[in-house]
């Protein structure tokens, strides 16, 4: 049976401020890799997710069903498994990817499935009359999409897309298992050397927090930017 007493807890070992201050520069050195992997993954996810959304909502079965299968597979596959498939599995068939590239591709391909559903919902929320008005003005499909539909859909999609990016930033900690030198991987290095994992993990959490706060602030700015399309 699990038992403990409050006076047995070693509170002095909860957080070592001296170790945290000494290790902070080393941990901060992992931020570029964290942001790079998340940014590249998000960029890839946005591009692929946009076309997946169009294919998912297409009337052509040859486009719709492959998109549905892809989205279902990616949403039903743990990202950690996919990381190992790209980094450790592909070399078996002769394809060797760097840890950074494997992580970027894994997060991009995985996030595309979630982004596709967000985009499909946002595009569907734009009134159909917008398409009819554009047709009456002799505007083509892509011209209508770019100048009329997307500006309205983006405003709707910004909050959920920001949540996807926030999840990506935090999920990059999983890239530590394939040796990407990101924030959490550097925290593990220090924890392994000093045997003070509690301090390092609390510190890394305190670093992730302001990064995510900044992203949320940018989300608010973007929402105000696109509010004019209401």
C-alpha atoms as a PDB file:
ATOM      1  CA  UNK A   1       0.000   0.000   0.000  1.00  0.00           C
ATOM      2  CA  UNK A   2       1.200   3.480  -0.836  1.00  0.00           C
ATOM      3  CA  UNK A   3       1.689   5.559   2.315  1.00  0.00           C
ATOM      4  CA  UNK A   4       3.539   8.744   3.049  1.00  0.00           C
ATOM      5  CA  UNK A   5       3.690  11.484   5.624  1.00  0.00           C
ATOM      6  CA  UNK A   6       3.968  15.174   4.990  1.00  0.00           C
ATOM      7  CA  UNK A   7       7.035  15.494   7.209  1.00  0.00           C
ATOM      8  CA  UNK A   8       8.862  12.864   5.127  1.00  0.00           C
ATOM      9  CA  UNK A   9       8.798  14.936   1.942  1.00  0.00           C
ATOM     10  CA  UNK A  10      12.184  16.482   1.158  1.00  0.00           C
ATOM     11  CA  UNK A  11      10.968  19.924   0.149  1.00  0.00           C
ATOM     12  CA  UNK A  12      14.514  21.252  -0.132  1.00  0.00           C
ATOM     13  CA  UNK A  13      15.058  18.950  -3.124  1.00  0.00           C
ATOM     14  CA  UNK A  14      11.960  20.131  -4.978  1.00  0.00           C
ATOM     15  CA  UNK A  15      13.761  22.863  -6.910  1.00  0.00           C
ATOM     16  CA  UNK A  16      17.437  23.811  -6.870  1.00  0.00           C
ATOM     17  CA  UNK A  17      17.574  27.476  -7.870  1.00  0.00           C
ATOM     18  CA  UNK A  18      21.363  27.449  -8.198  1.00  0.00           C
ATOM     19  CA  UNK A  19      21.336  24.464 -10.569  1.00  0.00           C
ATOM     20  CA  UNK A  20      18.442  25.952 -12.522  1.00  0.00           C
ATOM     21  CA  UNK A  21      20.289  29.245 -13.027  1.00  0.00           C
ATOM     22  CA  UNK A  22      23.488  27.488 -14.097  1.00  0.00           C
ATOM     23  CA  UNK A  23      21.622  25.193 -16.512  1.00  0.00           C
ATOM     24  CA  UNK A  24      19.337  27.842 -17.978  1.00  0.00           C
ATOM     25  CA  UNK A  25      21.679  28.924 -20.838  1.00  0.00           C
ATOM     26  CA  UNK A  26      22.171  25.302 -21.884  1.00  0.00           C
ATOM     27  CA  UNK A  27      18.437  24.621 -21.897  1.00  0.00           C
ATOM     28  CA  UNK A  28      17.680  27.836 -23.775  1.00  0.00           C
ATOM     29  CA  UNK A  29      20.023  26.560 -26.469  1.00  0.00           C
ATOM     30  CA  UNK A  30      17.365  23.984 -27.295  1.00  0.00           C
ATOM     31  CA  UNK A  31      14.695  26.592 -28.086  1.00  0.00           C
ATOM     32  CA  UNK A  32      15.827  27.128 -31.717  1.00  0.00           C
ATOM     33  CA  UNK A  33      15.417  23.411 -32.454  1.00  0.00           C
ATOM     34  CA  UNK A  34      12.061  23.335 -30.654  1.00  0.00           C
ATOM     35  CA  UNK A  35      10.705  26.292 -32.596  1.00  0.00           C
ATOM     36  CA  UNK A  36      12.242  25.160 -35.887  1.00  0.00           C
ATOM     37  CA  UNK A  37      10.711  21.684 -35.732  1.00  0.00           C
ATOM     38  CA  UNK A  38       7.324  23.060 -34.690  1.00  0.00           C
ATOM     39  CA  UNK A  39       7.381  25.836 -37.304  1.00  0.00           C
ATOM     40  CA  UNK A  40       8.410  23.562 -40.178  1.00  0.00           C
ATOM     41  CA  UNK A  41       5.906  20.949 -39.042  1.00  0.00           C
ATOM     42  CA  UNK A  42       3.143  23.553 -38.884  1.00  0.00           C
ATOM     43  CA  UNK A  43       4.057  25.021 -42.286  1.00  0.00           C
ATOM     44  CA  UNK A  44       4.001  21.574 -43.875  1.00  0.00           C
ATOM     45  CA  UNK A  45       0.762  20.778 -42.083  1.00  0.00           C
ATOM     46  CA  UNK A  46      -0.890  23.991 -43.285  1.00  0.00           C
ATOM     47  CA  UNK A  47      -0.016  23.372 -46.927  1.00  0.00           C
ATOM     48  CA  UNK A  48      -0.902  19.685 -46.929  1.00  0.00           C
ATOM     49  CA  UNK A  49      -3.921  20.271 -44.698  1.00  0.00           C
ATOM     50  CA  UNK A  50      -5.354  22.840 -47.106  1.00  0.00           C
ATOM     51  CA  UNK A  51      -5.277  20.475 -50.069  1.00  0.00           C
ATOM     52  CA  UNK A  52      -6.499  17.585 -47.937  1.00  0.00           C
ATOM     53  CA  UNK A  53      -9.470  19.717 -46.893  1.00  0.00           C
ATOM     54  CA  UNK A  54     -10.300  20.438 -50.529  1.00  0.00           C
ATOM     55  CA  UNK A  55      -9.942  16.756 -51.430  1.00  0.00           C
ATOM     56  CA  UNK A  56     -11.985  15.713 -48.377  1.00  0.00           C
ATOM     57  CA  UNK A  57     -14.855  17.938 -49.470  1.00  0.00           C
ATOM     58  CA  UNK A  58     -14.556  17.089 -53.153  1.00  0.00           C
ATOM     59  CA  UNK A  59     -17.392  15.461 -55.030  1.00  0.00           C
ATOM     60  CA  UNK A  60     -14.901  13.135 -56.721  1.00  0.00           C
ATOM     61  CA  UNK A  61     -14.516   9.848 -54.911  1.00  0.00           C
ATOM     62  CA  UNK A  62     -10.959   9.415 -56.253  1.00  0.00           C
ATOM     63  CA  UNK A  63      -9.965  12.497 -54.221  1.00  0.00           C
ATOM     64  CA  UNK A  64     -12.336  12.234 -51.280  1.00  0.00           C
ATOM     65  CA  UNK A  65     -11.642   8.687 -50.096  1.00  0.00           C
ATOM     66  CA  UNK A  66      -7.807   8.806 -50.139  1.00  0.00           C
ATOM     67  CA  UNK A  67      -8.035  12.039 -48.126  1.00  0.00           C
ATOM     68  CA  UNK A  68     -10.431  10.434 -45.638  1.00  0.00           C
ATOM     69  CA  UNK A  69      -8.175   7.396 -45.232  1.00  0.00           C
ATOM     70  CA  UNK A  70      -5.100   9.587 -44.714  1.00  0.00           C
ATOM     71  CA  UNK A  71      -6.855  11.749 -42.125  1.00  0.00           C
ATOM     72  CA  UNK A  72      -8.223   8.719 -40.302  1.00  0.00           C
ATOM     73  CA  UNK A  73      -4.833   6.985 -40.252  1.00  0.00           C
ATOM     74  CA  UNK A  74      -2.912  10.009 -38.986  1.00  0.00           C
ATOM     75  CA  UNK A  75      -5.471  10.867 -36.328  1.00  0.00           C
ATOM     76  CA  UNK A  76      -5.477   7.256 -35.167  1.00  0.00           C
ATOM     77  CA  UNK A  77      -1.690   6.856 -35.025  1.00  0.00           C
ATOM     78  CA  UNK A  78       0.387   8.017 -32.030  1.00  0.00           C
ATOM     79  CA  UNK A  79       2.905  10.628 -33.134  1.00  0.00           C
ATOM     80  CA  UNK A  80       5.607   8.826 -31.138  1.00  0.00           C
ATOM     81  CA  UNK A  81       5.099   5.695 -33.242  1.00  0.00           C
ATOM     82  CA  UNK A  82       5.296   7.753 -36.416  1.00  0.00           C
ATOM     83  CA  UNK A  83       8.541   9.347 -35.223  1.00  0.00           C
ATOM     84  CA  UNK A  84      10.120   5.910 -34.867  1.00  0.00           C
ATOM     85  CA  UNK A  85       8.747   4.793 -38.233  1.00  0.00           C
ATOM     86  CA  UNK A  86      10.461   7.697 -40.003  1.00  0.00           C
ATOM     87  CA  UNK A  87      13.689   7.727 -38.003  1.00  0.00           C
ATOM     88  CA  UNK A  88      14.285   4.052 -37.180  1.00  0.00           C
ATOM     89  CA  UNK A  89      12.041   2.234 -39.622  1.00  0.00           C
ATOM     90  CA  UNK A  90      12.899   3.857 -42.950  1.00  0.00           C
ATOM     91  CA  UNK A  91      16.629   2.943 -42.737  1.00  0.00           C
ATOM     92  CA  UNK A  92      15.522  -0.698 -42.979  1.00  0.00           C
ATOM     93  CA  UNK A  93      14.409  -0.037 -46.564  1.00  0.00           C
ATOM     94  CA  UNK A  94      17.404   2.151 -47.340  1.00  0.00           C
ATOM     95  CA  UNK A  95      16.029   5.625 -46.538  1.00  0.00           C
ATOM     96  CA  UNK A  96      18.040   7.519 -43.939  1.00  0.00           C
ATOM     97  CA  UNK A  97      16.666  10.741 -42.469  1.00  0.00           C
ATOM     98  CA  UNK A  98      18.333  13.010 -39.950  1.00  0.00           C
ATOM     99  CA  UNK A  99      16.621  13.270 -36.577  1.00  0.00           C
ATOM    100  CA  UNK A 100      15.650  16.875 -37.281  1.00  0.00           C
ATOM    101  CA  UNK A 101      14.146  16.078 -40.699  1.00  0.00           C
ATOM    102  CA  UNK A 102      12.342  12.992 -39.397  1.00  0.00           C
ATOM    103  CA  UNK A 103      10.796  14.997 -36.555  1.00  0.00           C
ATOM    104  CA  UNK A 104       9.758  17.867 -38.847  1.00  0.00           C
ATOM    105  CA  UNK A 105       8.143  15.488 -41.325  1.00  0.00           C
ATOM    106  CA  UNK A 106       6.438  13.481 -38.604  1.00  0.00           C
ATOM    107  CA  UNK A 107       4.854  16.519 -36.986  1.00  0.00           C
ATOM    108  CA  UNK A 108       3.957  18.028 -40.340  1.00  0.00           C
ATOM    109  CA  UNK A 109       2.330  14.909 -41.760  1.00  0.00           C
ATOM    110  CA  UNK A 110       0.501  14.226 -38.513  1.00  0.00           C
ATOM    111  CA  UNK A 111      -0.739  17.771 -37.917  1.00  0.00           C
ATOM    112  CA  UNK A 112      -1.979  17.981 -41.527  1.00  0.00           C
ATOM    113  CA  UNK A 113      -4.789  15.573 -40.655  1.00  0.00           C
ATOM    114  CA  UNK A 114      -6.093  17.795 -37.852  1.00  0.00           C
ATOM    115  CA  UNK A 115      -5.559  20.957 -39.870  1.00  0.00           C
ATOM    116  CA  UNK A 116      -7.474  19.444 -42.790  1.00  0.00           C
ATOM    117  CA  UNK A 117     -10.552  18.943 -40.641  1.00  0.00           C
ATOM    118  CA  UNK A 118     -10.272  22.475 -39.253  1.00  0.00           C
ATOM    119  CA  UNK A 119      -9.926  23.904 -42.759  1.00  0.00           C
ATOM    120  CA  UNK A 120     -12.811  21.848 -44.098  1.00  0.00           C
ATOM    121  CA  UNK A 121     -15.058  23.086 -41.323  1.00  0.00           C
ATOM    122  CA  UNK A 122     -13.954  26.699 -41.795  1.00  0.00           C
ATOM    123  CA  UNK A 123     -14.419  26.592 -45.569  1.00  0.00           C
ATOM    124  CA  UNK A 124     -17.831  24.978 -45.194  1.00  0.00           C
ATOM    125  CA  UNK A 125     -18.929  27.727 -42.806  1.00  0.00           C
ATOM    126  CA  UNK A 126     -18.601  30.389 -45.522  1.00  0.00           C
ATOM    127  CA  UNK A 127     -22.079  30.953 -46.995  1.00  0.00           C
ATOM    128  CA  UNK A 128     -22.609  29.349 -50.390  1.00  0.00           C
ATOM    129  CA  UNK A 129     -23.888  32.658 -51.694  1.00  0.00           C
ATOM    130  CA  UNK A 130     -20.317  33.886 -51.745  1.00  0.00           C
ATOM    131  CA  UNK A 131     -19.491  31.353 -54.447  1.00  0.00           C
ATOM    132  CA  UNK A 132     -22.584  32.303 -56.420  1.00  0.00           C
ATOM    133  CA  UNK A 133     -21.733  36.003 -56.237  1.00  0.00           C
ATOM    134  CA  UNK A 134     -18.189  35.308 -57.426  1.00  0.00           C
ATOM    135  CA  UNK A 135     -19.500  33.225 -60.307  1.00  0.00           C
ATOM    136  CA  UNK A 136     -21.782  36.084 -61.306  1.00  0.00           C
ATOM    137  CA  UNK A 137     -18.700  38.308 -61.449  1.00  0.00           C
ATOM    138  CA  UNK A 138     -16.952  35.778 -63.741  1.00  0.00           C
ATOM    139  CA  UNK A 139     -14.368  34.910 -61.082  1.00  0.00           C
ATOM    140  CA  UNK A 140     -12.612  31.559 -61.402  1.00  0.00           C
ATOM    141  CA  UNK A 141     -12.417  28.861 -58.728  1.00  0.00           C
ATOM    142  CA  UNK A 142      -8.974  29.759 -57.371  1.00  0.00           C
ATOM    143  CA  UNK A 143      -9.581  33.496 -57.702  1.00  0.00           C
ATOM    144  CA  UNK A 144     -12.740  33.125 -55.633  1.00  0.00           C
ATOM    145  CA  UNK A 145     -11.006  30.884 -53.118  1.00  0.00           C
ATOM    146  CA  UNK A 146      -8.040  33.230 -52.661  1.00  0.00           C
ATOM    147  CA  UNK A 147      -9.818  36.604 -52.581  1.00  0.00           C
ATOM    148  CA  UNK A 148     -13.225  35.816 -51.086  1.00  0.00           C
ATOM    149  CA  UNK A 149     -13.477  32.443 -49.350  1.00  0.00           C
ATOM    150  CA  UNK A 150     -10.087  32.133 -47.649  1.00  0.00           C
ATOM    151  CA  UNK A 151     -10.091  35.541 -45.903  1.00  0.00           C
ATOM    152  CA  UNK A 152     -13.414  34.642 -44.265  1.00  0.00           C
ATOM    153  CA  UNK A 153     -12.423  31.055 -43.490  1.00  0.00           C
ATOM    154  CA  UNK A 154      -9.100  32.084 -41.963  1.00  0.00           C
ATOM    155  CA  UNK A 155     -10.841  34.204 -39.338  1.00  0.00           C
ATOM    156  CA  UNK A 156     -12.840  31.159 -38.268  1.00  0.00           C
ATOM    157  CA  UNK A 157      -9.862  28.792 -38.397  1.00  0.00           C
ATOM    158  CA  UNK A 158      -7.341  30.913 -36.462  1.00  0.00           C
ATOM    159  CA  UNK A 159      -8.288  29.791 -32.898  1.00  0.00           C
ATOM    160  CA  UNK A 160      -8.264  26.024 -33.602  1.00  0.00           C
ATOM    161  CA  UNK A 161      -5.159  26.326 -35.800  1.00  0.00           C
ATOM    162  CA  UNK A 162      -3.370  28.142 -32.983  1.00  0.00           C
ATOM    163  CA  UNK A 163      -4.291  25.290 -30.655  1.00  0.00           C
ATOM    164  CA  UNK A 164      -2.745  22.865 -33.126  1.00  0.00           C
ATOM    165  CA  UNK A 165       0.455  24.890 -33.152  1.00  0.00           C
ATOM    166  CA  UNK A 166       0.517  25.093 -29.351  1.00  0.00           C
ATOM    167  CA  UNK A 167       0.178  21.307 -29.239  1.00  0.00           C
ATOM    168  CA  UNK A 168       2.992  21.023 -31.793  1.00  0.00           C
ATOM    169  CA  UNK A 169       5.342  23.187 -29.728  1.00  0.00           C
ATOM    170  CA  UNK A 170       4.728  21.047 -26.658  1.00  0.00           C
ATOM    171  CA  UNK A 171       4.788  17.797 -28.638  1.00  0.00           C
ATOM    172  CA  UNK A 172       8.300  18.552 -29.905  1.00  0.00           C
ATOM    173  CA  UNK A 173       9.456  17.250 -26.525  1.00  0.00           C
ATOM    174  CA  UNK A 174       8.770  13.788 -27.992  1.00  0.00           C
ATOM    175  CA  UNK A 175      11.524  14.445 -30.537  1.00  0.00           C
ATOM    176  CA  UNK A 176      13.974  13.970 -27.671  1.00  0.00           C
ATOM    177  CA  UNK A 177      13.557  10.204 -28.066  1.00  0.00           C
ATOM    178  CA  UNK A 178      15.166  10.372 -31.524  1.00  0.00           C
ATOM    179  CA  UNK A 179      17.980  12.660 -30.292  1.00  0.00           C
ATOM    180  CA  UNK A 180      16.756  15.993 -31.647  1.00  0.00           C
ATOM    181  CA  UNK A 181      18.626  18.573 -29.491  1.00  0.00           C
ATOM    182  CA  UNK A 182      15.473  20.442 -28.501  1.00  0.00           C
ATOM    183  CA  UNK A 183      14.493  21.904 -25.153  1.00  0.00           C
ATOM    184  CA  UNK A 184      13.382  18.753 -23.360  1.00  0.00           C
ATOM    185  CA  UNK A 185      16.281  16.679 -24.646  1.00  0.00           C
ATOM    186  CA  UNK A 186      18.727  19.167 -23.165  1.00  0.00           C
ATOM    187  CA  UNK A 187      16.839  19.046 -19.861  1.00  0.00           C
ATOM    188  CA  UNK A 188      17.219  15.266 -19.862  1.00  0.00           C
ATOM    189  CA  UNK A 189      20.958  15.608 -20.419  1.00  0.00           C
ATOM    190  CA  UNK A 190      21.358  17.860 -17.386  1.00  0.00           C
ATOM    191  CA  UNK A 191      19.028  15.677 -15.307  1.00  0.00           C
ATOM    192  CA  UNK A 192      21.071  12.602 -16.173  1.00  0.00           C
ATOM    193  CA  UNK A 193      24.307  14.349 -15.240  1.00  0.00           C
ATOM    194  CA  UNK A 194      23.142  15.946 -11.984  1.00  0.00           C
ATOM    195  CA  UNK A 195      20.523  13.374 -10.909  1.00  0.00           C
ATOM    196  CA  UNK A 196      18.149  16.268 -10.250  1.00  0.00           C
ATOM    197  CA  UNK A 197      15.322  15.546 -12.652  1.00  0.00           C
ATOM    198  CA  UNK A 198      12.725  17.476 -10.650  1.00  0.00           C
ATOM    199  CA  UNK A 199      14.545  20.789 -11.014  1.00  0.00           C
ATOM    200  CA  UNK A 200      15.147  20.288 -14.716  1.00  0.00           C
ATOM    201  CA  UNK A 201      11.596  19.242 -15.531  1.00  0.00           C
ATOM    202  CA  UNK A 202      10.096  22.127 -13.572  1.00  0.00           C
ATOM    203  CA  UNK A 203      12.512  24.499 -15.290  1.00  0.00           C
ATOM    204  CA  UNK A 204      11.676  23.208 -18.757  1.00  0.00           C
ATOM    205  CA  UNK A 205       7.965  23.598 -17.976  1.00  0.00           C
ATOM    206  CA  UNK A 206       8.595  27.216 -16.938  1.00  0.00           C
ATOM    207  CA  UNK A 207      10.335  27.807 -20.283  1.00  0.00           C
ATOM    208  CA  UNK A 208       7.526  26.279 -22.361  1.00  0.00           C
ATOM    209  CA  UNK A 209       4.957  28.424 -20.562  1.00  0.00           C
ATOM    210  CA  UNK A 210       6.040  31.894 -21.814  1.00  0.00           C
ATOM    211  CA  UNK A 211       6.612  30.486 -25.312  1.00  0.00           C
ATOM    212  CA  UNK A 212       2.995  29.334 -25.430  1.00  0.00           C
ATOM    213  CA  UNK A 213       1.832  32.636 -23.915  1.00  0.00           C
ATOM    214  CA  UNK A 214       3.560  34.481 -26.761  1.00  0.00           C
ATOM    215  CA  UNK A 215       1.856  32.266 -29.336  1.00  0.00           C
ATOM    216  CA  UNK A 216      -1.517  32.953 -27.694  1.00  0.00           C
ATOM    217  CA  UNK A 217      -0.794  36.682 -27.852  1.00  0.00           C
ATOM    218  CA  UNK A 218      -0.059  36.405 -31.584  1.00  0.00           C
ATOM    219  CA  UNK A 219      -3.335  34.537 -31.965  1.00  0.00           C
ATOM    220  CA  UNK A 220      -5.200  37.482 -30.459  1.00  0.00           C
ATOM    221  CA  UNK A 221      -3.455  39.852 -32.854  1.00  0.00           C
ATOM    222  CA  UNK A 222      -4.366  37.704 -35.847  1.00  0.00           C
ATOM    223  CA  UNK A 223      -7.984  37.495 -34.760  1.00  0.00           C
ATOM    224  CA  UNK A 224      -8.157  41.293 -34.600  1.00  0.00           C
ATOM    225  CA  UNK A 225      -6.460  41.503 -37.997  1.00  0.00           C
ATOM    226  CA  UNK A 226      -9.093  39.316 -39.649  1.00  0.00           C
ATOM    227  CA  UNK A 227     -12.078  40.624 -37.671  1.00  0.00           C
ATOM    228  CA  UNK A 228     -12.742  43.096 -40.469  1.00  0.00           C
ATOM    229  CA  UNK A 229     -14.068  40.200 -42.540  1.00  0.00           C
ATOM    230  CA  UNK A 230     -16.944  39.662 -40.109  1.00  0.00           C
END
